[in-house]
Amino acid sequence: MGTNIPNIVVFASGSGTNAENIINWSENRKTYRVKAVFCNRTDAYVLTRAERHGIPSWTFSARDFKADTLIYKGRQTSLTETLAGLSTDYIVLAGFLLKVPDYLLAAYPERILNIHPALLPSYGGKGMYGDHVHRAVIAAGEKESGITIHLADNQYDHGRILYQAKCQVTPEDTPETLFAKVHELEKAYPHVIEDYVYGRI
């Protein structure tokens, strides 16, 4: 693919299974390059996954993220400067729980992707993540759920939808079993990222 491979940076808050799927895809397909992982929790397992793949990582507090501040090796810099220094083309949110600030949306218009564990526009918004989503879907008696991959904007779980996939919800489902069904669908994320950055969707 030469040197024009898009650079992506992954933002995550937790275990990082989606982040690792994206990293593995990038290593195997070499159609985009994961330059770094950014995280708002110093104890998140995604940082271990990144280290295992030799990918640099940065952490920040919610307050610093909102203020475009980053402390790195004792020196204060800005998140946008750091992303520019990494030649970031796209930002991919993979289980990232903070709202994307306006300065980041302005710096990367139409270039921030997010994945949500439900069929938006239903079951989105502040506080709707992980088991909260699956419990709400089951409580409402829905017959199906799934995933939505979309562009981030200045509202939670909003923005142009790029891809959706569905799974059945049965009366026997628990939040745990529904999580497993939805998690299986999330394996499409690395492929959808590739399709988007190459203009196929």
C-alpha atoms as a PDB file:
ATOM      1  CA  MET A   1       0.000   0.000   0.000  1.00  0.00           C
ATOM      2  CA  GLY A   2       3.008   2.337   0.181  1.00  0.00           C
ATOM      3  CA  THR A   3       3.321   5.240   2.570  1.00  0.00           C
ATOM      4  CA  ASN A   4      -0.220   6.541   2.097  1.00  0.00           C
ATOM      5  CA  ILE A   5      -1.723   4.151   4.616  1.00  0.00           C
ATOM      6  CA  PRO A   6      -4.158   6.079   6.863  1.00  0.00           C
ATOM      7  CA  ASN A   7      -3.065   6.525  10.472  1.00  0.00           C
ATOM      8  CA  ILE A   8      -5.661   5.880  13.132  1.00  0.00           C
ATOM      9  CA  VAL A   9      -5.601   6.486  16.853  1.00  0.00           C
ATOM     10  CA  VAL A  10      -7.851   4.425  19.127  1.00  0.00           C
ATOM     11  CA  PHE A  11      -9.611   5.916  22.159  1.00  0.00           C
ATOM     12  CA  ALA A  12     -10.816   3.353  24.714  1.00  0.00           C
ATOM     13  CA  SER A  13     -11.894   3.240  28.359  1.00  0.00           C
ATOM     14  CA  GLY A  14     -11.934  -0.407  29.353  1.00  0.00           C
ATOM     15  CA  SER A  15     -10.766  -3.917  28.534  1.00  0.00           C
ATOM     16  CA  GLY A  16     -10.011  -3.124  24.915  1.00  0.00           C
ATOM     17  CA  THR A  17     -11.209  -6.203  23.018  1.00  0.00           C
ATOM     18  CA  ASN A  18     -12.444  -4.033  20.143  1.00  0.00           C
ATOM     19  CA  ALA A  19      -9.202  -2.056  20.241  1.00  0.00           C
ATOM     20  CA  GLU A  20      -7.187  -5.272  20.003  1.00  0.00           C
ATOM     21  CA  ASN A  21      -9.339  -6.521  17.108  1.00  0.00           C
ATOM     22  CA  ILE A  22      -8.555  -3.269  15.288  1.00  0.00           C
ATOM     23  CA  ILE A  23      -4.829  -3.573  16.051  1.00  0.00           C
ATOM     24  CA  ASN A  24      -4.766  -7.193  14.852  1.00  0.00           C
ATOM     25  CA  TRP A  25      -6.593  -6.214  11.663  1.00  0.00           C
ATOM     26  CA  SER A  26      -4.125  -3.402  11.000  1.00  0.00           C
ATOM     27  CA  GLU A  27      -1.158  -5.726  11.551  1.00  0.00           C
ATOM     28  CA  ASN A  28      -2.559  -8.448   9.289  1.00  0.00           C
ATOM     29  CA  ARG A  29      -4.121  -6.357   6.510  1.00  0.00           C
ATOM     30  CA  LYS A  30      -1.821  -3.316   6.647  1.00  0.00           C
ATOM     31  CA  THR A  31      -4.575  -1.142   5.157  1.00  0.00           C
ATOM     32  CA  TYR A  32      -4.393   1.313   8.065  1.00  0.00           C
ATOM     33  CA  ARG A  33      -1.907   1.844  10.847  1.00  0.00           C
ATOM     34  CA  VAL A  34      -2.763   2.091  14.554  1.00  0.00           C
ATOM     35  CA  LYS A  35      -0.384   4.777  15.837  1.00  0.00           C
ATOM     36  CA  ALA A  36      -1.462   5.000  19.473  1.00  0.00           C
ATOM     37  CA  VAL A  37      -4.068   4.236  22.113  1.00  0.00           C
ATOM     38  CA  PHE A  38      -5.498   6.972  24.323  1.00  0.00           C
ATOM     39  CA  CYS A  39      -7.383   6.139  27.502  1.00  0.00           C
ATOM     40  CA  ASN A  40      -9.116   8.001  30.320  1.00  0.00           C
ATOM     41  CA  ARG A  41      -8.329   5.316  32.932  1.00  0.00           C
ATOM     42  CA  THR A  42      -4.845   4.412  34.107  1.00  0.00           C
ATOM     43  CA  ASP A  43      -6.009   0.920  35.188  1.00  0.00           C
ATOM     44  CA  ALA A  44      -7.749  -0.043  31.929  1.00  0.00           C
ATOM     45  CA  TYR A  45      -6.643  -3.353  30.429  1.00  0.00           C
ATOM     46  CA  VAL A  46      -6.542  -1.813  26.954  1.00  0.00           C
ATOM     47  CA  LEU A  47      -3.208  -0.248  27.971  1.00  0.00           C
ATOM     48  CA  THR A  48      -1.748  -3.732  28.538  1.00  0.00           C
ATOM     49  CA  ARG A  49      -3.034  -4.856  25.148  1.00  0.00           C
ATOM     50  CA  ALA A  50      -1.436  -1.839  23.467  1.00  0.00           C
ATOM     51  CA  GLU A  51       1.883  -2.466  25.208  1.00  0.00           C
ATOM     52  CA  ARG A  52       1.813  -6.103  24.094  1.00  0.00           C
ATOM     53  CA  HIS A  53       1.604  -4.928  20.476  1.00  0.00           C
ATOM     54  CA  GLY A  54       4.294  -2.286  20.922  1.00  0.00           C
ATOM     55  CA  ILE A  55       1.821   0.559  20.459  1.00  0.00           C
ATOM     56  CA  PRO A  56       2.375   3.715  22.525  1.00  0.00           C
ATOM     57  CA  SER A  57      -0.388   4.833  24.861  1.00  0.00           C
ATOM     58  CA  TRP A  58      -1.380   7.999  26.677  1.00  0.00           C
ATOM     59  CA  THR A  59      -3.794   8.485  29.555  1.00  0.00           C
ATOM     60  CA  PHE A  60      -5.666  11.590  30.658  1.00  0.00           C
ATOM     61  CA  SER A  61      -8.348  12.649  33.116  1.00  0.00           C
ATOM     62  CA  ALA A  62     -11.840  13.654  32.004  1.00  0.00           C
ATOM     63  CA  ARG A  63     -11.011  17.245  32.977  1.00  0.00           C
ATOM     64  CA  ASP A  64      -7.816  17.310  30.903  1.00  0.00           C
ATOM     65  CA  PHE A  65      -9.621  15.768  27.938  1.00  0.00           C
ATOM     66  CA  LYS A  66     -12.253  18.489  28.045  1.00  0.00           C
ATOM     67  CA  ALA A  67      -9.539  21.166  28.256  1.00  0.00           C
ATOM     68  CA  ASP A  68      -7.310  19.741  25.469  1.00  0.00           C
ATOM     69  CA  THR A  69      -4.501  19.131  27.974  1.00  0.00           C
ATOM     70  CA  LEU A  70      -2.145  16.189  28.102  1.00  0.00           C
ATOM     71  CA  ILE A  71       0.638  15.505  30.577  1.00  0.00           C
ATOM     72  CA  TYR A  72       3.350  13.369  29.020  1.00  0.00           C
ATOM     73  CA  LYS A  73       6.618  12.516  30.790  1.00  0.00           C
ATOM     74  CA  GLY A  74       6.015  15.381  33.187  1.00  0.00           C
ATOM     75  CA  ARG A  75       5.509  17.962  30.452  1.00  0.00           C
ATOM     76  CA  GLN A  76       2.197  19.610  29.686  1.00  0.00           C
ATOM     77  CA  THR A  77       1.148  19.573  26.067  1.00  0.00           C
ATOM     78  CA  SER A  78      -2.185  19.387  24.267  1.00  0.00           C
ATOM     79  CA  LEU A  79      -4.065  16.399  22.948  1.00  0.00           C
ATOM     80  CA  THR A  80      -4.492  18.007  19.533  1.00  0.00           C
ATOM     81  CA  GLU A  81      -0.743  18.693  19.269  1.00  0.00           C
ATOM     82  CA  THR A  82       0.011  15.099  20.207  1.00  0.00           C
ATOM     83  CA  LEU A  83      -2.465  13.752  17.648  1.00  0.00           C
ATOM     84  CA  ALA A  84      -0.961  16.023  14.983  1.00  0.00           C
ATOM     85  CA  GLY A  85       2.505  14.775  15.917  1.00  0.00           C
ATOM     86  CA  LEU A  86       1.281  11.228  15.299  1.00  0.00           C
ATOM     87  CA  SER A  87       0.027  12.278  11.834  1.00  0.00           C
ATOM     88  CA  THR A  88      -3.452  11.135  12.876  1.00  0.00           C
ATOM     89  CA  ASP A  89      -5.928  10.796  10.015  1.00  0.00           C
ATOM     90  CA  TYR A  90      -8.823   9.185  11.910  1.00  0.00           C
ATOM     91  CA  ILE A  91      -9.862   8.681  15.520  1.00  0.00           C
ATOM     92  CA  VAL A  92     -11.662   5.461  16.396  1.00  0.00           C
ATOM     93  CA  LEU A  93     -13.663   5.247  19.625  1.00  0.00           C
ATOM     94  CA  ALA A  94     -13.703   1.663  20.922  1.00  0.00           C
ATOM     95  CA  GLY A  95     -15.625   1.522  24.185  1.00  0.00           C
ATOM     96  CA  PHE A  96     -14.698   5.108  25.005  1.00  0.00           C
ATOM     97  CA  LEU A  97     -17.097   6.591  27.550  1.00  0.00           C
ATOM     98  CA  LEU A  98     -16.341  10.319  27.483  1.00  0.00           C
ATOM     99  CA  LYS A  99     -18.193  12.767  25.260  1.00  0.00           C
ATOM    100  CA  VAL A 100     -16.025  14.010  22.399  1.00  0.00           C
ATOM    101  CA  PRO A 101     -15.291  17.734  22.931  1.00  0.00           C
ATOM    102  CA  ASP A 102     -15.985  20.322  20.238  1.00  0.00           C
ATOM    103  CA  TYR A 103     -12.285  21.097  19.686  1.00  0.00           C
ATOM    104  CA  LEU A 104     -11.658  17.488  18.652  1.00  0.00           C
ATOM    105  CA  LEU A 105     -14.716  17.363  16.390  1.00  0.00           C
ATOM    106  CA  ALA A 106     -13.480  20.559  14.721  1.00  0.00           C
ATOM    107  CA  ALA A 107      -9.980  19.149  14.240  1.00  0.00           C
ATOM    108  CA  TYR A 108     -11.257  15.842  12.801  1.00  0.00           C
ATOM    109  CA  PRO A 109     -14.577  16.547  11.061  1.00  0.00           C
ATOM    110  CA  GLU A 110     -16.224  13.355   9.755  1.00  0.00           C
ATOM    111  CA  ARG A 111     -13.097  11.507  10.887  1.00  0.00           C
ATOM    112  CA  ILE A 112     -14.118  10.217  14.327  1.00  0.00           C
ATOM    113  CA  LEU A 113     -15.873   6.831  14.360  1.00  0.00           C
ATOM    114  CA  ASN A 114     -17.769   5.231  17.232  1.00  0.00           C
ATOM    115  CA  ILE A 115     -19.349   1.840  17.888  1.00  0.00           C
ATOM    116  CA  HIS A 116     -22.482   1.441  20.014  1.00  0.00           C
ATOM    117  CA  PRO A 117     -23.959  -1.860  21.319  1.00  0.00           C
ATOM    118  CA  ALA A 118     -27.539  -1.229  20.146  1.00  0.00           C
ATOM    119  CA  LEU A 119     -29.489  -0.246  17.060  1.00  0.00           C
ATOM    120  CA  LEU A 120     -29.386   3.541  17.130  1.00  0.00           C
ATOM    121  CA  PRO A 121     -31.261   5.826  17.378  1.00  0.00           C
ATOM    122  CA  SER A 122     -32.796   3.558  20.050  1.00  0.00           C
ATOM    123  CA  TYR A 123     -30.959   2.935  23.331  1.00  0.00           C
ATOM    124  CA  GLY A 124     -28.345   5.632  22.923  1.00  0.00           C
ATOM    125  CA  GLY A 125     -27.438   8.729  24.902  1.00  0.00           C
ATOM    126  CA  LYS A 126     -25.686   9.584  28.134  1.00  0.00           C
ATOM    127  CA  GLY A 127     -25.348   6.621  30.480  1.00  0.00           C
ATOM    128  CA  MET A 128     -26.267   4.126  27.771  1.00  0.00           C
ATOM    129  CA  TYR A 129     -23.250   1.844  27.558  1.00  0.00           C
ATOM    130  CA  GLY A 130     -22.411  -1.795  28.248  1.00  0.00           C
ATOM    131  CA  ASP A 131     -24.883  -3.690  30.412  1.00  0.00           C
ATOM    132  CA  HIS A 132     -27.078  -0.588  30.823  1.00  0.00           C
ATOM    133  CA  VAL A 133     -27.952  -0.893  27.127  1.00  0.00           C
ATOM    134  CA  HIS A 134     -28.592  -4.648  27.217  1.00  0.00           C
ATOM    135  CA  ARG A 135     -30.760  -4.398  30.348  1.00  0.00           C
ATOM    136  CA  ALA A 136     -32.859  -1.652  28.755  1.00  0.00           C
ATOM    137  CA  VAL A 137     -33.308  -3.627  25.524  1.00  0.00           C
ATOM    138  CA  ILE A 138     -34.449  -6.738  27.452  1.00  0.00           C
ATOM    139  CA  ALA A 139     -36.713  -4.742  29.801  1.00  0.00           C
ATOM    140  CA  ALA A 140     -38.476  -3.199  26.795  1.00  0.00           C
ATOM    141  CA  GLY A 141     -39.199  -6.635  25.335  1.00  0.00           C
ATOM    142  CA  GLU A 142     -37.342  -5.930  22.098  1.00  0.00           C
ATOM    143  CA  LYS A 143     -37.145  -8.755  19.559  1.00  0.00           C
ATOM    144  CA  GLU A 144     -33.779  -7.635  18.151  1.00  0.00           C
ATOM    145  CA  SER A 145     -30.686  -5.663  19.059  1.00  0.00           C
ATOM    146  CA  GLY A 146     -27.285  -5.252  17.463  1.00  0.00           C
ATOM    147  CA  ILE A 147     -24.523  -2.757  16.821  1.00  0.00           C
ATOM    148  CA  THR A 148     -24.270   0.624  15.182  1.00  0.00           C
ATOM    149  CA  ILE A 149     -21.070   2.134  13.812  1.00  0.00           C
ATOM    150  CA  HIS A 150     -21.417   5.853  13.224  1.00  0.00           C
ATOM    151  CA  LEU A 151     -19.565   9.129  12.940  1.00  0.00           C
ATOM    152  CA  ALA A 152     -19.260  11.011  16.213  1.00  0.00           C
ATOM    153  CA  ASP A 153     -20.768  14.462  16.599  1.00  0.00           C
ATOM    154  CA  ASN A 154     -21.519  16.766  19.534  1.00  0.00           C
ATOM    155  CA  GLN A 155     -24.226  14.489  20.972  1.00  0.00           C
ATOM    156  CA  TYR A 156     -23.836  11.073  22.598  1.00  0.00           C
ATOM    157  CA  ASP A 157     -24.447   8.184  20.171  1.00  0.00           C
ATOM    158  CA  HIS A 158     -25.502  10.473  17.364  1.00  0.00           C
ATOM    159  CA  GLY A 159     -24.091  11.239  13.924  1.00  0.00           C
ATOM    160  CA  ARG A 160     -24.291   9.644  10.498  1.00  0.00           C
ATOM    161  CA  ILE A 161     -24.754   5.876  10.651  1.00  0.00           C
ATOM    162  CA  LEU A 162     -22.201   3.938   8.613  1.00  0.00           C
ATOM    163  CA  TYR A 163     -23.148   0.355   9.446  1.00  0.00           C
ATOM    164  CA  GLN A 164     -25.609  -1.694  11.488  1.00  0.00           C
ATOM    165  CA  ALA A 165     -25.862  -5.419  12.198  1.00  0.00           C
ATOM    166  CA  LYS A 166     -28.659  -7.204  14.046  1.00  0.00           C
ATOM    167  CA  CYS A 167     -29.126 -10.155  16.356  1.00  0.00           C
ATOM    168  CA  GLN A 168     -32.244 -11.722  17.816  1.00  0.00           C
ATOM    169  CA  VAL A 169     -33.321 -11.105  21.395  1.00  0.00           C
ATOM    170  CA  THR A 170     -35.151 -14.085  22.889  1.00  0.00           C
ATOM    171  CA  PRO A 171     -37.257 -14.232  26.076  1.00  0.00           C
ATOM    172  CA  GLU A 172     -34.472 -16.327  27.623  1.00  0.00           C
ATOM    173  CA  ASP A 173     -31.782 -13.716  27.060  1.00  0.00           C
ATOM    174  CA  THR A 174     -30.009 -12.132  30.016  1.00  0.00           C
ATOM    175  CA  PRO A 175     -27.766  -9.036  29.808  1.00  0.00           C
ATOM    176  CA  GLU A 176     -24.817 -11.466  29.728  1.00  0.00           C
ATOM    177  CA  THR A 177     -26.105 -13.590  26.838  1.00  0.00           C
ATOM    178  CA  LEU A 178     -27.170 -10.526  24.875  1.00  0.00           C
ATOM    179  CA  PHE A 179     -23.745  -8.997  25.471  1.00  0.00           C
ATOM    180  CA  ALA A 180     -22.164 -12.113  23.952  1.00  0.00           C
ATOM    181  CA  LYS A 181     -24.379 -11.902  20.833  1.00  0.00           C
ATOM    182  CA  VAL A 182     -23.677  -8.204  20.360  1.00  0.00           C
ATOM    183  CA  HIS A 183     -19.967  -8.637  21.063  1.00  0.00           C
ATOM    184  CA  GLU A 184     -19.762 -11.169  18.240  1.00  0.00           C
ATOM    185  CA  LEU A 185     -21.214  -8.573  15.839  1.00  0.00           C
ATOM    186  CA  GLU A 186     -18.606  -6.044  16.969  1.00  0.00           C
ATOM    187  CA  LYS A 187     -15.949  -8.060  15.133  1.00  0.00           C
ATOM    188  CA  ALA A 188     -17.100  -6.182  12.005  1.00  0.00           C
ATOM    189  CA  TYR A 189     -15.644  -2.905  13.345  1.00  0.00           C
ATOM    190  CA  PRO A 190     -12.104  -3.223  11.869  1.00  0.00           C
ATOM    191  CA  HIS A 191     -13.540  -4.014   8.430  1.00  0.00           C
ATOM    192  CA  VAL A 192     -16.013  -1.109   8.562  1.00  0.00           C
ATOM    193  CA  ILE A 193     -13.159   1.243   9.523  1.00  0.00           C
ATOM    194  CA  GLU A 194     -11.234   0.080   6.468  1.00  0.00           C
ATOM    195  CA  ASP A 195     -14.271   0.558   4.215  1.00  0.00           C
ATOM    196  CA  TYR A 196     -14.802   4.078   5.553  1.00  0.00           C
ATOM    197  CA  VAL A 197     -11.225   5.316   5.303  1.00  0.00           C
ATOM    198  CA  TYR A 198     -11.048   4.083   1.700  1.00  0.00           C
ATOM    199  CA  GLY A 199     -14.334   5.731   0.752  1.00  0.00           C
ATOM    200  CA  ARG A 200     -16.321   2.531   0.270  1.00  0.00           C
ATOM    201  CA  ILE A 201     -19.107   3.656   2.620  1.00  0.00           C
END
